[in-house]
Protein backbone atom coordinates (compact mmCIF):
# COMPACT_ATOMS: atom_id res chain seq x y z
CA UNK A 1 -5.20 21.51 -7.40
CA UNK A 2 -7.00 19.96 -10.41
CA UNK A 3 -8.32 16.42 -10.15
CA UNK A 4 -8.49 14.10 -13.13
CA UNK A 5 -12.08 13.02 -12.53
CA UNK A 6 -13.78 12.57 -15.86
CA UNK A 7 -16.19 9.65 -15.64
CA UNK A 8 -17.17 7.50 -12.71
CA UNK A 9 -16.02 3.89 -12.49
CA UNK A 10 -19.27 1.96 -12.03
CA UNK A 11 -19.47 -1.07 -9.79
CA UNK A 12 -16.21 -0.54 -7.90
CA UNK A 13 -16.09 0.32 -4.22
CA UNK A 14 -13.07 1.57 -2.28
CA UNK A 15 -12.27 0.81 1.36
CA UNK A 16 -9.61 2.92 3.08
CA UNK A 17 -8.42 1.32 6.33
CA UNK A 18 -7.53 3.97 8.92
CA UNK A 19 -5.35 2.18 11.45
CA UNK A 20 -4.20 3.26 14.92
CA UNK A 21 -0.68 4.39 14.05
CA UNK A 22 1.19 2.40 16.69
CA UNK A 23 4.40 3.00 14.72
CA UNK A 24 4.13 6.76 15.43
CA UNK A 25 4.31 6.76 19.26
CA UNK A 26 5.50 10.38 19.42
CA UNK A 27 2.58 11.75 17.45
CA UNK A 28 -0.25 9.25 18.08
CA UNK A 29 0.15 8.61 21.81
CA UNK A 30 -3.57 9.44 21.99
CA UNK A 31 -4.92 7.81 18.79
CA UNK A 32 -8.48 8.88 19.54
CA UNK A 33 -7.67 12.60 19.33
CA UNK A 34 -4.72 12.30 16.95
CA UNK A 35 -5.31 9.27 14.70
CA UNK A 36 -2.62 8.29 12.27
CA UNK A 37 -4.86 9.06 9.27
CA UNK A 38 -4.67 12.79 10.07
CA UNK A 39 -0.89 13.11 10.42
CA UNK A 40 0.39 15.56 7.79
CA UNK A 41 2.46 14.39 4.84
CA UNK A 42 3.86 17.44 3.02
CA UNK A 43 1.22 19.63 4.76
CA UNK A 44 -1.76 17.46 3.73
CA UNK A 45 -3.56 14.97 6.01
CA UNK A 46 -2.33 11.44 5.39
CA UNK A 47 -5.78 10.17 4.40
CA UNK A 48 -5.97 12.82 1.66
CA UNK A 49 -3.60 10.78 -0.51
CA UNK A 50 -5.64 7.54 -0.85
CA UNK A 51 -8.81 9.62 -1.18
CA UNK A 52 -7.30 11.64 -4.01
CA UNK A 53 -6.06 8.41 -5.62
CA UNK A 54 -9.64 7.05 -5.71
CA UNK A 55 -11.06 10.24 -7.20
CA UNK A 56 -8.39 10.15 -9.91
CA UNK A 57 -9.67 6.67 -10.81
CA UNK A 58 -13.23 7.98 -11.03
CA UNK A 59 -14.27 5.93 -7.99
CA UNK A 60 -16.75 7.82 -5.85
CA UNK A 61 -18.12 5.00 -3.68
CA UNK A 62 -15.48 5.42 -0.97
CA UNK A 63 -15.68 4.36 2.69
CA UNK A 64 -13.18 5.13 5.43
CA UNK A 65 -13.09 2.43 8.11
CA UNK A 66 -11.81 3.34 11.58
CA UNK A 67 -12.29 2.36 15.25
CA UNK A 68 -15.31 4.00 16.92
CA UNK A 69 -13.02 5.95 19.27
CA UNK A 70 -11.38 7.77 16.32
CA UNK A 71 -14.61 8.47 14.42
CA UNK A 72 -15.19 11.91 15.94
CA UNK A 73 -11.72 13.23 15.11
CA UNK A 74 -11.83 11.95 11.53
CA UNK A 75 -15.38 13.24 10.99
CA UNK A 76 -14.36 16.68 12.19
CA UNK A 77 -11.38 16.69 9.85
CA UNK A 78 -13.51 15.62 6.88
CA UNK A 79 -15.85 18.56 7.55
CA UNK A 80 -13.30 21.25 8.37
CA UNK A 81 -9.83 20.52 6.98
CA UNK A 82 -9.41 22.63 3.81
CA UNK A 83 -7.59 19.89 1.91
CA UNK A 84 -10.26 17.29 2.67
CA UNK A 85 -13.20 19.61 2.04
CA UNK A 86 -11.74 20.60 -1.35
CA UNK A 87 -11.94 17.02 -2.66
CA UNK A 88 -14.69 16.34 -5.25
CA UNK A 89 -18.21 15.19 -4.47
CA UNK A 90 -19.69 12.86 -3.41
CA UNK A 91 -17.83 12.86 -0.14
CA UNK A 92 -16.45 9.68 1.36
CA UNK A 93 -18.49 7.84 3.99
CA UNK A 94 -17.13 6.89 7.40
CA UNK A 95 -17.78 3.47 8.94
CA UNK A 96 -16.73 2.64 12.50
CA UNK A 97 -17.79 -0.95 13.32
CA UNK A 98 -18.49 -1.48 17.00
CA UNK A 99 -16.10 -4.47 17.31
CA UNK A 100 -13.20 -2.75 15.56
CA UNK A 101 -10.38 -1.74 17.87
CA UNK A 102 -6.72 -0.76 17.59
CA UNK A 103 -5.56 -4.41 17.40
CA UNK A 104 -7.93 -5.77 14.75
CA UNK A 105 -6.16 -7.33 11.76
CA UNK A 106 -6.90 -6.12 8.24
CA UNK A 107 -8.60 -9.36 7.19
CA UNK A 108 -10.54 -9.37 10.46
CA UNK A 109 -11.81 -5.91 9.56
CA UNK A 110 -13.24 -7.24 6.30
CA UNK A 111 -14.90 -10.08 8.25
CA UNK A 112 -16.90 -7.72 10.48
CA UNK A 113 -20.66 -7.87 9.77
CA UNK A 114 -20.89 -4.14 8.96
CA UNK A 115 -18.16 -4.43 6.33
CA UNK A 116 -19.53 -7.67 4.89
CA UNK A 117 -22.88 -5.96 4.39
CA UNK A 118 -21.21 -2.89 2.88
CA UNK A 119 -19.27 -4.59 0.08
CA UNK A 120 -21.60 -5.67 -2.71
CA UNK A 121 -19.27 -5.55 -5.74
CA UNK A 122 -15.64 -5.77 -6.75
CA UNK A 123 -13.63 -3.45 -4.53
CA UNK A 124 -10.34 -1.75 -3.71
CA UNK A 125 -8.57 -1.89 -0.36
CA UNK A 126 -6.09 0.86 0.51
CA UNK A 127 -4.21 1.75 3.69
CA UNK A 128 -4.56 5.31 4.89
CA UNK A 129 -0.77 5.74 4.68
CA UNK A 130 -0.35 5.02 0.94
CA UNK A 131 1.15 7.77 -1.23
CA UNK A 132 0.76 6.67 -4.86
CA UNK A 133 1.52 9.10 -7.66
CA UNK A 134 0.92 6.45 -10.32
CA UNK A 135 -2.22 6.88 -12.39
CA UNK A 136 -5.04 4.89 -10.82
CA UNK A 137 -6.63 4.41 -14.24
CA UNK A 138 -3.56 2.46 -15.41
CA UNK A 139 -3.82 0.03 -12.50
CA UNK A 140 -7.52 -0.52 -13.12
CA UNK A 141 -6.84 -1.07 -16.83
CA UNK A 142 -4.15 -3.63 -16.05
CA UNK A 143 -6.48 -5.47 -13.67
CA UNK A 144 -9.40 -5.53 -16.11
CA UNK A 145 -7.30 -6.70 -19.06
CA UNK A 146 -5.12 -9.26 -17.30
CA UNK A 147 -7.20 -10.59 -14.40
CA UNK A 148 -10.92 -9.99 -14.89
CA UNK A 149 -12.92 -12.78 -16.50
CA UNK A 150 -15.29 -11.75 -19.27
CA UNK A 151 -18.23 -13.47 -17.56
CA UNK A 152 -17.59 -11.50 -14.37
CA UNK A 153 -17.13 -8.25 -16.27
CA UNK A 154 -20.48 -8.70 -18.02
CA UNK A 155 -22.10 -9.84 -14.73
CA UNK A 156 -22.90 -13.29 -16.15
CA UNK A 157 -22.70 -14.90 -12.74
CA UNK A 158 -25.38 -17.44 -13.53
CA UNK A 159 -22.95 -19.83 -15.16
CA UNK A 160 -21.59 -22.21 -12.50
CA UNK A 161 -18.51 -22.99 -14.60
CA UNK A 162 -17.68 -19.40 -15.51
CA UNK A 163 -14.12 -18.56 -14.43
CA UNK A 164 -13.96 -16.08 -11.60
CA UNK A 165 -11.95 -12.88 -11.71
CA UNK A 166 -8.57 -12.58 -10.02
CA UNK A 167 -6.98 -9.74 -8.09
CA UNK A 168 -4.18 -7.23 -8.40
CA UNK A 169 -1.67 -5.90 -5.87
CA UNK A 170 1.18 -3.40 -6.01
CA UNK A 171 4.78 -4.00 -4.91
CA UNK A 172 7.45 -1.29 -4.95
CA UNK A 173 11.25 -1.31 -4.44
CA UNK A 174 12.71 -0.07 -1.17
CA UNK A 175 16.22 0.30 -2.58
CA UNK A 176 15.64 3.65 -4.24
CA UNK A 177 17.46 6.95 -4.55
CA UNK A 178 15.97 7.84 -1.14
CA UNK A 179 16.27 4.61 0.92
CA UNK A 180 15.10 4.54 4.54
CA UNK A 181 17.13 2.43 6.93
CA UNK A 182 15.12 -0.39 8.45
CA UNK A 183 12.13 -0.05 6.10
CA UNK A 184 10.01 -3.19 6.04
CA UNK A 185 10.15 -5.50 3.04
CA UNK A 186 8.21 -8.54 1.87
CA UNK A 187 9.34 -11.87 0.48
CA UNK A 188 7.40 -12.37 -2.74
CA UNK A 189 7.73 -14.94 -5.52
CA UNK A 190 6.32 -14.16 -8.96
CA UNK A 191 6.24 -15.79 -12.38
CA UNK A 192 5.95 -14.07 -15.76
CA UNK A 193 2.65 -13.79 -17.53
CA UNK A 194 2.28 -15.54 -20.88
CA UNK A 195 3.62 -13.47 -23.79
CA UNK A 196 1.12 -11.57 -25.88
CA UNK A 197 1.17 -11.26 -29.64
CA UNK A 198 -0.23 -7.73 -29.32
CA UNK A 199 2.11 -4.92 -28.35
CA UNK A 200 1.25 -3.25 -25.06
CA UNK A 201 -0.18 0.26 -25.41
CA UNK A 202 2.30 3.02 -24.77
CA UNK A 203 2.43 3.93 -21.10
CA UNK A 204 0.58 0.80 -19.95
CA UNK A 205 1.71 -1.25 -16.97
CA UNK A 206 1.59 -4.59 -18.78
CA UNK A 207 5.39 -4.99 -19.08
CA UNK A 208 5.64 -4.78 -15.28
CA UNK A 209 2.91 -7.31 -14.50
CA UNK A 210 3.57 -10.75 -12.99
CA UNK A 211 1.62 -13.49 -11.26
CA UNK A 212 2.13 -13.92 -7.51
CA UNK A 213 2.80 -17.49 -6.35
CA UNK A 214 4.20 -16.87 -2.85
CA UNK A 215 3.97 -13.94 -0.45
CA UNK A 216 4.89 -13.25 3.16
CA UNK A 217 6.59 -10.48 5.18
CA UNK A 218 10.36 -10.75 5.37
CA UNK A 219 10.18 -11.04 9.16
CA UNK A 220 7.95 -14.11 8.84
CA UNK A 221 10.34 -15.61 6.31
CA UNK A 222 13.26 -15.11 8.69
CA UNK A 223 11.33 -16.82 11.48
CA UNK A 224 10.50 -19.70 9.15
CA UNK A 225 14.12 -20.08 8.05
CA UNK A 226 15.28 -20.08 11.67
CA UNK A 227 12.65 -22.61 12.70
CA UNK A 228 13.25 -24.95 9.75
CA UNK A 229 17.03 -24.33 9.50
CA UNK A 230 16.46 -23.39 5.88
CA UNK A 231 13.74 -22.20 3.56
CA UNK A 232 11.40 -25.05 2.61
CA UNK A 233 10.18 -24.97 -0.99
CA UNK A 234 7.50 -27.41 -2.11
CA UNK A 235 8.20 -29.44 -5.20
CA UNK A 236 4.71 -28.62 -6.45
CA UNK A 237 5.66 -24.92 -6.64
CA UNK A 238 8.74 -25.52 -8.77
CA UNK A 239 6.98 -28.17 -10.84
CA UNK A 240 4.09 -25.86 -11.65
CA UNK A 241 6.16 -22.69 -11.97
CA UNK A 242 9.80 -23.40 -12.81
CA UNK A 243 10.47 -19.77 -13.75
CA UNK A 244 10.03 -18.32 -10.28
CA UNK A 245 11.54 -14.94 -9.49
CA UNK A 246 12.14 -14.09 -5.83
CA UNK A 247 11.75 -10.47 -4.66
CA UNK A 248 13.47 -9.65 -1.39
CA UNK A 249 13.90 -5.86 -1.51
CA UNK A 250 10.33 -4.95 -2.49
CA UNK A 251 7.42 -4.06 -0.27
CA UNK A 252 3.74 -4.84 -0.56
CA UNK A 253 1.95 -1.50 -0.83
CA UNK A 254 -1.19 -3.13 0.69
CA UNK A 255 -3.18 -1.72 -2.22
CA UNK A 256 -5.39 -4.41 -3.72
CA UNK A 257 -8.12 -4.70 -6.32
CA UNK A 258 -10.28 -7.66 -5.32
CA UNK A 259 -13.30 -9.43 -6.86
CA UNK A 260 -16.33 -9.71 -4.59
CA UNK A 261 -15.77 -13.43 -3.89
CA UNK A 262 -12.75 -12.54 -1.72
CA UNK A 263 -15.16 -11.27 0.95
CA UNK A 264 -16.76 -14.75 1.06
CA UNK A 265 -13.30 -16.33 1.24
CA UNK A 266 -12.43 -14.19 4.26
CA UNK A 267 -15.78 -14.80 5.95
CA UNK A 268 -15.50 -18.59 5.64
CA UNK A 269 -11.90 -18.75 6.93
CA UNK A 270 -11.75 -17.26 10.40
CA UNK A 271 -8.05 -18.06 10.76
CA UNK A 272 -7.19 -15.35 8.20
CA UNK A 273 -6.07 -12.30 10.19
CA UNK A 274 -4.25 -10.05 7.71
CA UNK A 275 -4.79 -9.39 4.03
CA UNK A 276 -1.19 -9.35 2.87
CA UNK A 277 0.19 -12.38 4.68
CA UNK A 278 -2.90 -14.56 5.13
CA UNK A 279 -5.47 -13.77 2.43
CA UNK A 280 -3.04 -13.22 -0.44
CA UNK A 281 -0.54 -15.75 0.92
CA UNK A 282 -2.99 -18.65 1.15
CA UNK A 283 -4.84 -17.65 -2.02
CA UNK A 284 -1.73 -17.86 -4.22
CA UNK A 285 -0.59 -21.11 -2.56
CA UNK A 286 -3.93 -22.66 -3.46
CA UNK A 287 -3.04 -22.14 -7.10
CA UNK A 288 -0.26 -24.74 -7.01
CA UNK A 289 -0.56 -26.72 -3.75
CA UNK A 290 -2.73 -29.75 -4.43
CA UNK A 291 -5.93 -29.96 -2.39
CA UNK A 292 -5.46 -26.58 -0.68
CA UNK A 293 -8.24 -24.84 -2.60
CA UNK A 294 -10.68 -27.48 -1.35
CA UNK A 295 -9.48 -27.17 2.26
CA UNK A 296 -9.86 -23.38 2.11
CA UNK A 297 -13.36 -23.69 0.65
CA UNK A 298 -12.37 -21.94 -2.58
CA UNK A 299 -13.92 -24.59 -4.81
CA UNK A 300 -17.29 -24.09 -3.18
CA UNK A 301 -16.99 -20.29 -3.06
CA UNK A 302 -16.10 -20.13 -6.75
CA UNK A 303 -18.98 -22.45 -7.67
CA UNK A 304 -16.83 -25.44 -8.60
CA UNK A 305 -18.38 -28.56 -7.06
CA UNK A 306 -17.44 -32.20 -7.37
CA UNK A 307 -20.29 -32.95 -9.79
CA UNK A 308 -18.94 -30.37 -12.21
CA UNK A 309 -15.44 -31.81 -11.92
CA UNK A 310 -16.59 -35.37 -12.50
CA UNK A 311 -18.57 -34.26 -15.55
CA UNK A 312 -15.49 -32.55 -16.92
CA UNK A 313 -13.42 -35.70 -16.34
CA UNK A 314 -16.05 -37.91 -18.00
CA UNK A 315 -16.29 -35.53 -20.88
CA UNK A 316 -12.55 -35.37 -21.40
CA UNK A 317 -12.17 -39.14 -21.11
CA UNK A 318 -15.06 -40.06 -23.45
CA UNK A 319 -14.42 -37.82 -26.37
CA UNK A 320 -10.66 -37.45 -26.48
CA UNK A 321 -7.63 -39.54 -27.31
CA UNK A 322 -5.88 -41.00 -24.24
CA UNK A 323 -2.65 -39.30 -23.32
CA UNK A 324 0.61 -41.07 -24.15
CA UNK A 325 1.26 -41.86 -20.50
CA UNK A 326 -2.17 -43.46 -20.04
CA UNK A 327 -1.85 -45.46 -23.27
CA UNK A 328 1.53 -46.74 -22.20
CA UNK A 329 0.25 -47.74 -18.79
CA UNK A 330 -2.65 -49.64 -20.36
CA UNK A 331 -0.28 -51.55 -22.60
CA UNK A 332 2.05 -52.37 -19.73
CA UNK A 333 4.81 -50.26 -21.21
CA UNK A 334 7.12 -47.72 -19.60
CA UNK A 335 6.52 -44.17 -20.80
CA UNK A 336 9.62 -41.95 -20.97
CA UNK A 337 9.28 -38.17 -20.87
CA UNK A 338 12.07 -36.06 -22.29
CA UNK A 339 13.36 -32.83 -20.81
CA UNK A 340 11.83 -31.00 -23.75
CA UNK A 341 8.41 -32.47 -22.93
CA UNK A 342 8.73 -31.38 -19.30
CA UNK A 343 9.66 -27.85 -20.32
CA UNK A 344 6.68 -27.73 -22.67
CA UNK A 345 4.35 -28.94 -19.92
CA UNK A 346 5.74 -26.33 -17.52
CA UNK A 347 5.30 -23.61 -20.10
CA UNK A 348 1.69 -24.58 -20.67
CA UNK A 349 0.97 -24.67 -16.95
CA UNK A 350 2.31 -21.14 -16.55
CA UNK A 351 0.44 -19.84 -19.57
CA UNK A 352 -2.92 -20.86 -18.08
CA UNK A 353 -4.04 -18.25 -15.57
CA UNK A 354 -7.64 -19.22 -14.88
CA UNK A 355 -10.43 -21.41 -16.12
CA UNK A 356 -11.57 -25.04 -15.85
CA UNK A 357 -9.37 -28.00 -16.64
CA UNK A 358 -9.78 -31.76 -16.74
CA UNK A 359 -8.23 -32.10 -13.30
CA UNK A 360 -10.45 -29.51 -11.70
CA UNK A 361 -10.77 -25.75 -11.76
CA UNK A 362 -7.77 -23.50 -11.41
CA UNK A 363 -7.71 -20.79 -8.77
CA UNK A 364 -8.07 -17.27 -10.22
CA UNK A 365 -4.73 -15.44 -10.40
CA UNK A 366 -3.42 -12.85 -8.01
CA UNK A 367 -1.39 -10.50 -10.15
CA UNK A 368 1.28 -8.04 -9.11
CA UNK A 369 2.34 -4.74 -10.57
CA UNK A 370 6.07 -4.55 -9.77
CA UNK A 371 7.04 -0.90 -9.75
CA UNK A 372 10.36 -0.46 -11.60
CA UNK A 373 13.39 0.55 -9.59
CA UNK A 374 14.65 3.10 -12.09
CA UNK A 375 12.58 5.71 -13.92
CA UNK A 376 12.07 5.07 -17.59
CA UNK A 377 14.12 7.28 -19.93
CA UNK A 378 12.34 10.04 -21.79
CA UNK A 379 13.67 11.48 -25.04
CA UNK A 380 13.71 15.18 -25.72
CA UNK A 381 14.45 17.08 -28.88
CA UNK A 382 18.22 17.07 -28.41
CA UNK A 383 19.04 15.08 -25.28
CA UNK A 384 17.83 11.99 -23.49
CA UNK A 385 17.05 12.42 -19.80
CA UNK A 386 15.54 10.27 -17.11
CA UNK A 387 11.93 11.04 -16.26
CA UNK A 388 11.21 11.83 -12.60
CA UNK A 389 10.59 8.72 -10.53
CA UNK A 390 6.93 8.05 -9.80
CA UNK A 391 6.32 8.02 -6.05
CA UNK A 392 4.79 4.90 -4.51
CA UNK A 393 5.42 4.57 -0.79
CA UNK A 394 3.74 3.56 2.43
CA UNK A 395 4.32 6.08 5.22
CA UNK A 396 4.08 4.09 8.45
CA UNK A 397 7.14 5.23 10.42
CA UNK A 398 8.49 8.60 11.48
CA UNK A 399 11.50 8.21 9.19
CA UNK A 400 9.23 7.61 6.22
CA UNK A 401 7.00 10.51 7.26
CA UNK A 402 10.00 12.83 7.07
CA UNK A 403 11.55 11.29 3.96
CA UNK A 404 8.37 11.21 1.85
CA UNK A 405 7.38 14.73 2.93
CA UNK A 406 10.78 16.03 1.83
CA UNK A 407 10.49 14.09 -1.43
CA UNK A 408 7.08 15.62 -2.17
CA UNK A 409 8.44 19.07 -1.33
CA UNK A 410 10.76 18.77 -4.32
CA UNK A 411 7.85 18.47 -6.78
CA UNK A 412 7.48 21.63 -8.90
CA UNK A 413 4.47 23.72 -7.92
CA UNK A 414 1.46 24.34 -10.15
CA UNK A 415 2.58 27.98 -10.36
CA UNK A 416 5.91 26.86 -11.86
CA UNK A 417 4.85 24.27 -14.45
CA UNK A 418 1.10 24.74 -14.91
CA UNK A 419 -1.81 22.47 -13.97
CA UNK A 420 -1.39 20.07 -16.90
CA UNK A 421 2.28 19.22 -16.24
CA UNK A 422 2.11 19.31 -12.44
CA UNK A 423 2.08 16.19 -10.29
CA UNK A 424 -1.27 15.36 -8.65
CA UNK A 425 0.54 16.05 -5.37
CA UNK A 426 1.89 19.47 -6.36
CA UNK A 427 0.94 22.48 -4.25
CA UNK A 428 -0.25 25.75 -5.84
CA UNK A 429 2.89 27.57 -4.63
CA UNK A 430 6.05 26.61 -2.76
CA UNK A 431 5.64 29.54 -0.35
CA UNK A 432 1.93 30.03 0.21
CA UNK A 433 2.26 33.29 2.18
CA UNK A 434 5.30 35.22 0.90
CA UNK A 435 4.20 38.32 2.84
CA UNK A 436 5.19 36.55 6.06
CA UNK A 437 8.81 36.10 4.97
CA UNK A 438 11.03 38.97 6.10
CA UNK A 439 14.01 40.29 4.09
CA UNK A 440 17.44 38.75 4.58
CA UNK A 441 16.12 35.21 4.86
CA UNK A 442 17.01 32.08 2.91
CA UNK A 443 14.37 29.61 1.70
CA UNK A 444 15.36 27.05 -0.94
CA UNK A 445 12.09 26.90 -2.84
CA UNK A 446 13.24 24.07 -5.08
CA UNK A 447 13.11 21.58 -2.20
CA UNK A 448 10.92 23.26 0.46
CA UNK A 449 7.25 23.85 1.21
CA UNK A 450 5.99 26.71 3.38
CA UNK A 451 2.27 26.74 4.18
CA UNK A 452 -0.21 29.56 4.89
CA UNK A 453 0.29 32.14 7.62
CA UNK A 454 3.93 31.22 8.30
CA UNK A 455 6.18 34.00 9.55
CA UNK A 456 9.93 33.82 8.99
CA UNK A 457 12.09 36.41 10.74
CA UNK A 458 15.33 37.91 9.42
CA UNK A 459 18.61 35.96 9.22
CA UNK A 460 16.70 32.68 9.23
CA UNK A 461 17.54 29.82 6.89
CA UNK A 462 15.17 27.08 5.67
CA UNK A 463 16.70 24.39 3.46
CA UNK A 464 14.89 21.25 2.28
CA UNK A 465 12.06 21.56 4.82
CA UNK A 466 8.29 21.30 5.08
CA UNK A 467 6.75 24.02 7.25
CA UNK A 468 3.10 23.66 8.32
CA UNK A 469 0.49 26.41 8.59
CA UNK A 470 0.70 29.11 11.30
CA UNK A 471 4.33 28.34 12.22
CA UNK A 472 6.72 31.00 13.55
CA UNK A 473 10.42 30.86 12.69
CA UNK A 474 12.25 33.43 14.80
CA UNK A 475 15.37 35.40 14.00
CA UNK A 476 18.55 33.48 13.21
CA UNK A 477 16.96 30.00 13.20
CA UNK A 478 18.58 27.43 10.91
CA UNK A 479 16.43 24.50 9.69
CA UNK A 480 17.74 21.68 7.48
CA UNK A 481 15.64 18.67 6.37
CA UNK A 482 12.94 19.24 8.98
CA UNK A 483 9.19 18.66 9.11
CA UNK A 484 7.13 21.12 11.15
CA UNK A 485 3.44 20.44 11.72
CA UNK A 486 0.91 23.25 12.19
CA UNK A 487 1.49 25.95 14.78
CA UNK A 488 5.12 25.21 15.69
CA UNK A 489 7.24 27.99 17.21
CA UNK A 490 11.02 27.87 16.70
CA UNK A 491 13.03 30.19 18.97
CA UNK A 492 15.89 32.51 18.08
CA UNK A 493 19.18 31.05 16.87
CA UNK A 494 17.94 27.45 16.98
CA UNK A 495 19.70 24.88 14.81
CA UNK A 496 17.46 21.97 13.79
CA UNK A 497 18.53 19.12 11.52
CA UNK A 498 16.33 16.17 10.42
CA UNK A 499 13.73 16.86 13.12
CA UNK A 500 9.96 16.29 13.21
CA UNK A 501 8.04 18.76 15.35
CA UNK A 502 4.45 18.01 16.37
CA UNK A 503 1.55 20.45 16.27
CA UNK A 504 1.84 23.55 18.43
CA UNK A 505 5.18 22.46 19.92
CA UNK A 506 7.70 25.12 20.90
CA UNK A 507 11.47 25.02 20.65
CA UNK A 508 13.21 27.36 23.08
CA UNK A 509 15.87 29.87 22.12
CA UNK A 510 19.30 28.53 21.16
CA UNK A 511 18.36 24.83 20.98
CA UNK A 512 20.49 22.47 18.87
CA UNK A 513 18.54 19.35 17.89
CA UNK A 514 19.50 16.59 15.43
CA UNK A 515 17.30 13.63 14.43
CA UNK A 516 14.78 14.47 17.17
CA UNK A 517 11.00 14.13 17.46
CA UNK A 518 8.87 16.50 19.53
CA UNK A 519 5.32 15.62 20.60
CA UNK A 520 2.46 18.05 20.00
CA UNK A 521 2.10 20.87 22.55
CA UNK A 522 5.55 20.11 24.00
CA UNK A 523 8.00 22.79 25.12
CA UNK A 524 11.70 22.08 24.64
CA UNK A 525 13.68 24.18 27.13
CA UNK A 526 16.01 26.85 25.79
CA UNK A 527 19.65 25.93 25.11
CA UNK A 528 18.76 22.23 24.88
CA UNK A 529 21.20 20.11 22.89
CA UNK A 530 20.03 16.65 21.86
CA UNK A 531 20.53 14.00 19.21
CA UNK A 532 18.19 11.12 18.30
CA UNK A 533 15.86 11.92 21.19
CA UNK A 534 12.05 11.87 21.50
CA UNK A 535 10.52 14.69 23.55
CA UNK A 536 7.25 13.35 24.95
CA UNK A 537 5.03 14.02 27.93
CA UNK A 538 4.95 11.49 30.76
CA UNK A 539 1.48 10.34 29.68
CA UNK A 540 2.77 9.74 26.17
CA UNK A 541 5.67 7.71 27.48
CA UNK A 542 3.33 5.66 29.65
CA UNK A 543 1.09 4.99 26.68
CA UNK A 544 4.09 3.86 24.64
CA UNK A 545 5.24 1.51 27.41
CA UNK A 546 1.74 0.05 27.68
CA UNK A 547 1.70 -0.56 23.91
CA UNK A 548 5.04 -2.36 24.14
CA UNK A 549 3.83 -4.46 27.09
CA UNK A 550 0.66 -5.37 25.21
CA UNK A 551 2.71 -6.30 22.17
CA UNK A 552 4.94 -8.52 24.31
CA UNK A 553 1.88 -10.23 25.80
CA UNK A 554 0.48 -10.84 22.30
CA UNK A 555 3.76 -12.39 21.21
CA UNK A 556 3.76 -14.61 24.30
CA UNK A 557 0.23 -15.77 23.59
CA UNK A 558 1.10 -16.54 19.98
CA UNK A 559 4.13 -18.55 21.07
CA UNK A 560 2.06 -20.47 23.62
CA UNK A 561 -0.53 -21.22 20.98
CA UNK A 562 2.13 -22.54 18.61
CA UNK A 563 3.56 -24.78 21.32
């Protein structure tokens, strides 16, 4: 598959966080041997997608960060998996800090000494489970135009009053044509950016950009509402940003472009555990909550000290005309402010994103690209049709693993549309090894993927499925909306619907399974009939129970700490 790597993007580093995969208990019961980052999405290892995204952006300084226990498995995959070895050079580095374990928060990862020493410039943070078809160059362009300060861009860091650069995150809708029941969402409040007199370039992301002013997971918001018997909103938020828009059906993709100073912010605030809820959440609050930037140490980190502020105040007071309110106060008069004046003040406060002011420096903005819910229309020569929806999704549950794999299977292959028109996630062919498919079989190529060395016996039917390499589909088997990982054997006359089968698992003859998950190397006895069941070994079940017990203990400790 061709990669759009033309020129390198200097000065930007990429960190890909390879987590434990606790939300995949069937397939990551042993995260050391089977880490989440290597689970297949549409026959490619999960970590391939964020790696490919970085190479499309021209970023070659890429580091995978994982627990030491998973380093061997990921290193082996990087050196042997054909999809990972086919990625461009230079290859990504692997960092496994000694204090990183399966329970370390994302912000805590960035606070580790090894990571602090690694990051020396502006950087990207991506989860290993992000599938983003959107052009990475467009996101970088939006960040540089809308959030990067000129002084930072030109590396003029010597000026203590130079405004610092802001950040950029991505949020996408969960209410799509392919919704997944129970998918996580985030509660996010945004305000519009100031209008520009220059038209946005065609295809740019500028029309979908906003400024984040509040962010937290929906679960945290529900807990807050329950605790407070309502949702508390500070007057300072509405006073500073009266045009707030609340997003309740979108999800934070956990893809961020950060300036280097964010690493200092995380290092100096040990209470920050996660990036999405804590780092971004407190950062954006500091933009409108009085005194919070000082408490968080942002003023010092950004180089804004009290001497600079006092100089600015003296300067503004000595050489400028007093404001109407101050003049009225000095004369002992009452100053009235009309609604129009308030609206104008609010508009001006929203139009200022960063930079010094007479009342102290403003916090750099955290911007959001809000992925549109509906695809933009595209006009043809005679008819107007809707362009295919661009895929942006996190894959952190089994349901999403199946859904996104089936969605990617519908992408036309490079063989069908050519390398220029094909999606970056398109496979060379829908059926990689047609010689293994016997006559009198049915494979719907428009919505299926069949990998190398797959054998399909006669009278079999494969509809809307993803079949991994070296699988065997025996005579009379019927598969609908299934995901098979490498080396799966499906017995004669089996009927499988919406199932996920782990590596080298075997389904006995005549089984009827619906909405089931089968662990790797598991044998499902012949003639088994099951619905919504997980077939796991006893050790896998024990590991899952231990994870749940540990989670319960963590929750208890958190509650005790709050009390």
